[in-house]
Amino acid sequence: MRFLEHYRRRAGLTQAELAHLVGCSQTGLSELERGREPRPEETSALERLFGFPVDRLLTHLPDDVVPPPPSLMLAVKAQREKERVETEKRRSRQWKNIPRPRQ
């Protein structure tokens, strides 16, 4: 997928974020960016997220890209918020497990 990396960066996504939204691993997304043909479920996820046919990722430079569709940005925002909450919970649990000095 020749221009997938450019579209991903233009949308402000990391490989991990887009991989999660597409339903593949970060390694799988990296392989897509390097030219592996997408599986049917990856194709439909990419088309849904970017709002245009996947074959455009093969043939068009990202300069003609309109801003990412709201559905993509909402999905990314929700994923980032979920990760933030999980991180806070994990940190909270870590603090609870630290032995406190007795007074």
Protein backbone atom coordinates (compact mmCIF):
# COMPACT_ATOMS: atom_id res chain seq x y z
CA MET A 1 0.00 0.00 0.00
CA ARG A 2 2.26 2.59 -1.39
CA PHE A 3 0.92 5.75 0.25
CA LEU A 4 -0.68 4.31 3.39
CA GLU A 5 2.08 5.65 5.64
CA HIS A 6 1.57 9.17 4.30
CA TYR A 7 -2.20 9.01 4.85
CA ARG A 8 -1.64 7.63 8.36
CA ARG A 9 0.78 10.40 9.27
CA ARG A 10 -1.50 13.01 7.71
CA ALA A 11 -4.28 11.76 10.02
CA GLY A 12 -1.93 12.11 13.01
CA LEU A 13 -1.93 8.41 13.86
CA THR A 14 0.80 6.12 15.07
CA GLN A 15 1.19 2.67 13.55
CA ALA A 16 -0.14 1.14 16.75
CA GLU A 17 -3.26 3.32 16.73
CA LEU A 18 -4.11 2.63 13.10
CA ALA A 19 -3.34 -1.08 13.53
CA HIS A 20 -5.80 -1.23 16.44
CA LEU A 21 -8.49 0.52 14.38
CA VAL A 22 -7.89 -1.75 11.38
CA GLY A 23 -7.78 -4.90 13.50
CA CYS A 24 -4.25 -6.05 12.80
CA SER A 25 -0.94 -5.99 14.66
CA GLN A 26 1.52 -3.13 14.43
CA THR A 27 3.82 -5.47 12.50
CA GLY A 28 0.96 -6.26 10.12
CA LEU A 29 0.37 -2.56 9.50
CA SER A 30 4.07 -2.03 8.89
CA GLU A 31 3.95 -4.80 6.29
CA LEU A 32 0.94 -3.11 4.66
CA GLU A 33 2.88 0.15 4.49
CA ARG A 34 5.75 -1.70 2.83
CA GLY A 35 3.55 -3.23 0.16
CA ARG A 36 1.78 -6.35 1.45
CA GLU A 37 -1.67 -6.81 -0.07
CA PRO A 38 -4.39 -6.23 2.53
CA ARG A 39 -6.74 -8.99 3.61
CA PRO A 40 -10.45 -8.35 2.88
CA GLU A 41 -11.22 -7.34 6.47
CA GLU A 42 -8.27 -4.90 6.45
CA THR A 43 -9.47 -3.46 3.15
CA SER A 44 -12.97 -2.79 4.46
CA ALA A 45 -11.64 -1.29 7.72
CA LEU A 46 -9.28 1.06 5.85
CA GLU A 47 -12.04 2.14 3.47
CA ARG A 48 -14.37 2.81 6.40
CA LEU A 49 -11.75 4.75 8.36
CA PHE A 50 -10.36 6.88 5.54
CA GLY A 51 -13.63 7.28 3.67
CA PHE A 52 -12.41 6.31 0.19
CA PRO A 53 -11.52 3.13 -1.73
CA VAL A 54 -8.30 1.37 -0.78
CA ASP A 55 -7.04 1.41 -4.37
CA ARG A 56 -6.61 5.16 -3.91
CA LEU A 57 -3.96 4.39 -1.28
CA LEU A 58 -2.02 2.70 -4.08
CA THR A 59 -2.28 5.40 -6.70
CA HIS A 60 -2.69 8.88 -5.19
CA LEU A 61 -0.24 11.05 -3.37
CA PRO A 62 -1.47 12.33 -0.01
CA ASP A 63 -1.42 15.98 -1.17
CA ASP A 64 -4.93 15.54 -2.55
CA VAL A 65 -6.26 14.25 0.77
CA VAL A 66 -9.06 16.03 2.50
CA PRO A 67 -8.92 16.10 6.31
CA PRO A 68 -9.53 12.73 7.96
CA PRO A 69 -13.22 11.89 8.32
CA PRO A 70 -14.80 12.62 11.70
CA SER A 71 -15.43 8.91 12.26
CA LEU A 72 -11.69 8.23 12.16
CA MET A 73 -10.86 11.08 14.50
CA LEU A 74 -13.61 10.04 16.96
CA ALA A 75 -12.33 6.47 16.95
CA VAL A 76 -8.78 7.65 17.61
CA LYS A 77 -9.90 10.02 20.34
CA ALA A 78 -11.88 7.23 22.04
CA GLN A 79 -8.92 4.84 21.81
CA ARG A 80 -6.50 7.41 23.27
CA GLU A 81 -8.93 8.16 26.13
CA LYS A 82 -9.33 4.44 26.85
CA GLU A 83 -5.55 4.02 26.98
CA ARG A 84 -5.22 7.08 29.25
CA VAL A 85 -7.79 5.68 31.70
CA GLU A 86 -6.12 2.25 31.69
CA THR A 87 -2.73 3.86 32.36
CA GLU A 88 -4.16 5.85 35.28
CA LYS A 89 -5.73 2.71 36.76
CA ARG A 90 -2.46 0.80 36.41
CA ARG A 91 -0.50 3.61 38.09
CA SER A 92 -3.06 3.84 40.88
CA ARG A 93 -2.73 0.10 41.56
CA GLN A 94 1.07 0.41 41.60
CA TRP A 95 0.90 3.14 44.24
CA LYS A 96 -1.44 1.07 46.40
CA ASN A 97 1.04 -1.81 46.42
CA ILE A 98 3.99 0.25 47.64
CA PRO A 99 4.69 -0.45 51.33
CA ARG A 100 4.26 2.64 53.47
CA PRO A 101 6.69 3.43 56.28
CA ARG A 102 5.22 2.92 59.74
CA GLN A 103 5.13 5.88 62.03
